[in-house]
C-alpha atoms as a PDB file:
ATOM      1  CA  MET A   1      -1.936   4.179  -0.057  1.00  0.00           C
ATOM      2  CA  ALA A   2      -3.814   3.115  -3.148  1.00  0.00           C
ATOM      3  CA  SER A   3      -5.907   6.271  -3.558  1.00  0.00           C
ATOM      4  CA  PRO A   4      -3.388   8.228  -5.687  1.00  0.00           C
ATOM      5  CA  LEU A   5      -2.816   5.184  -7.898  1.00  0.00           C
ATOM      6  CA  VAL A   6      -6.542   4.633  -8.385  1.00  0.00           C
ATOM      7  CA  ALA A   7      -7.029   8.311  -9.229  1.00  0.00           C
ATOM      8  CA  ALA A   8      -4.259   8.133 -11.829  1.00  0.00           C
ATOM      9  CA  MET A   9      -5.691   4.909 -13.260  1.00  0.00           C
ATOM     10  CA  GLN A  10      -9.074   6.591 -13.722  1.00  0.00           C
ATOM     11  CA  VAL A  11      -7.560   9.062 -16.184  1.00  0.00           C
ATOM     12  CA  SER A  12      -4.910   6.825 -17.758  1.00  0.00           C
ATOM     13  CA  PRO A  13      -5.956   3.679 -19.596  1.00  0.00           C
ATOM     14  CA  SER A  14      -2.301   2.802 -20.202  1.00  0.00           C
ATOM     15  CA  LEU A  15      -1.543   2.938 -16.471  1.00  0.00           C
ATOM     16  CA  SER A  16      -4.619   0.798 -15.828  1.00  0.00           C
ATOM     17  CA  SER A  17      -3.333  -1.760 -18.330  1.00  0.00           C
ATOM     18  CA  LEU A  18       0.104  -1.775 -16.702  1.00  0.00           C
ATOM     19  CA  VAL A  19      -1.369  -2.279 -13.232  1.00  0.00           C
ATOM     20  CA  GLU A  20      -3.523  -5.106 -14.565  1.00  0.00           C
ATOM     21  CA  VAL A  21      -0.480  -6.865 -16.035  1.00  0.00           C
ATOM     22  CA  LEU A  22       1.472  -6.418 -12.798  1.00  0.00           C
ATOM     23  CA  ALA A  23      -1.440  -7.525 -10.597  1.00  0.00           C
ATOM     24  CA  ARG A  24      -2.400 -10.622 -12.596  1.00  0.00           C
ATOM     25  CA  PRO A  25       0.175 -12.960 -10.914  1.00  0.00           C
ATOM     26  CA  TRP A  26      -1.019 -11.839  -7.483  1.00  0.00           C
ATOM     27  CA  VAL A  27      -4.642 -12.446  -8.485  1.00  0.00           C
ATOM     28  CA  ARG A  28      -3.779 -15.977  -9.616  1.00  0.00           C
ATOM     29  CA  HIS A  29      -1.995 -16.604  -6.306  1.00  0.00           C
ATOM     30  CA  MET A  30      -5.023 -15.367  -4.352  1.00  0.00           C
ATOM     31  CA  GLU A  31      -7.270 -17.635  -6.427  1.00  0.00           C
ATOM     32  CA  TYR A  32      -5.017 -20.540  -5.415  1.00  0.00           C
ATOM     33  CA  GLU A  33      -5.075 -19.471  -1.747  1.00  0.00           C
ATOM     34  CA  GLU A  34      -8.892 -19.351  -1.829  1.00  0.00           C
ATOM     35  CA  GLY A  35      -9.148 -22.778  -3.471  1.00  0.00           C
ATOM     36  CA  ILE A  36     -10.473 -21.405  -6.757  1.00  0.00           C
ATOM     37  CA  ALA A  37      -7.386 -22.332  -8.819  1.00  0.00           C
ATOM     38  CA  GLU A  38      -5.576 -25.657  -8.744  1.00  0.00           C
ATOM     39  CA  ALA A  39      -2.090 -24.257  -9.359  1.00  0.00           C
ATOM     40  CA  ASP A  40      -0.250 -21.480  -7.548  1.00  0.00           C
ATOM     41  CA  ASP A  41       1.504 -18.637  -9.329  1.00  0.00           C
ATOM     42  CA  PRO A  42       5.105 -18.439  -8.042  1.00  0.00           C
ATOM     43  CA  VAL A  43       5.462 -14.765  -8.971  1.00  0.00           C
ATOM     44  CA  GLY A  44       2.210 -13.943  -7.178  1.00  0.00           C
ATOM     45  CA  HIS A  45       3.360 -15.972  -4.182  1.00  0.00           C
ATOM     46  CA  LEU A  46       6.616 -13.985  -4.090  1.00  0.00           C
ATOM     47  CA  MET A  47       4.738 -10.706  -4.474  1.00  0.00           C
ATOM     48  CA  THR A  48       2.603 -11.597  -1.445  1.00  0.00           C
ATOM     49  CA  ALA A  49       5.548 -12.825   0.611  1.00  0.00           C
ATOM     50  CA  LEU A  50       7.465  -9.596   0.010  1.00  0.00           C
ATOM     51  CA  GLY A  51       4.536  -7.196  -0.295  1.00  0.00           C
ATOM     52  CA  LEU A  52       2.770  -7.865   2.998  1.00  0.00           C
ATOM     53  CA  PRO A  53       5.788  -7.077   5.212  1.00  0.00           C
ATOM     54  CA  LEU A  54       6.676  -4.091   3.032  1.00  0.00           C
ATOM     55  CA  CYS A  55       3.159  -2.647   3.339  1.00  0.00           C
ATOM     56  CA  SER A  56       3.277  -3.171   7.103  1.00  0.00           C
ATOM     57  CA  VAL A  57       6.549  -1.254   7.352  1.00  0.00           C
ATOM     58  CA  VAL A  58       5.187   1.583   5.213  1.00  0.00           C
ATOM     59  CA  ALA A  59       2.029   1.764   7.345  1.00  0.00           C
ATOM     60  CA  LEU A  60       4.044   1.846  10.590  1.00  0.00           C
ATOM     61  CA  LEU A  61       6.361   4.543   9.263  1.00  0.00           C
ATOM     62  CA  HIS A  62       3.405   6.592   8.056  1.00  0.00           C
ATOM     63  CA  HIS A  63       1.721   6.254  11.448  1.00  0.00           C
ATOM     64  CA  HIS A  64       4.871   7.224  13.388  1.00  0.00           C
ATOM     65  CA  ILE A  65       5.709  10.146  11.103  1.00  0.00           C
ATOM     66  CA  LEU A  66       2.155  11.450  11.366  1.00  0.00           C
ATOM     67  CA  ASN A  67       2.282  11.157  15.162  1.00  0.00           C
ATOM     68  CA  ALA A  68       5.654  12.956  15.285  1.00  0.00           C
ATOM     69  CA  VAL A  69       4.297  15.809  13.175  1.00  0.00           C
ATOM     70  CA  LEU A  70       1.210  16.110  15.378  1.00  0.00           C
ATOM     71  CA  VAL A  71       3.298  16.137  18.576  1.00  0.00           C
ATOM     72  CA  ALA A  72       5.619  18.800  17.131  1.00  0.00           C
ATOM     73  CA  LEU A  73       2.654  20.905  16.047  1.00  0.00           C
ATOM     74  CA  MET A  74       0.929  20.592  19.429  1.00  0.00           C
ATOM     75  CA  THR A  75       4.178  21.430  21.230  1.00  0.00           C
ATOM     76  CA  THR A  76       4.699  24.516  19.079  1.00  0.00           C
ATOM     77  CA  VAL A  77       1.136  25.724  19.578  1.00  0.00           C
ATOM     78  CA  THR A  78       1.319  25.139  23.336  1.00  0.00           C
ATOM     79  CA  TRP A  79       4.720  26.806  23.612  1.00  0.00           C
ATOM     80  CA  ARG A  80       3.505  29.884  21.720  1.00  0.00           C
ATOM     81  CA  ALA A  81       0.361  30.061  23.850  1.00  0.00           C
ATOM     82  CA  LEU A  82       2.445  30.109  27.044  1.00  0.00           C
ATOM     83  CA  LYS A  83       4.617  33.023  25.881  1.00  0.00           C
END
């Protein structure tokens, strides 16, 4: 899911700066989780608490949609071959 964002960041310094600003609270939270930082970042904690389930849902939907497309394609090809 990150590939298009990374590609855009490679050609846009302003997008890279925006992503850095948005990611900084999450980085501080991860530093706290790993024992590197003494204090947690509440925004980063919230981002993780909401982001992990959201990413899981997106991944499941992507997987199921891809499977549905493949089944439809295989059914169409098989149906046409039997005609």
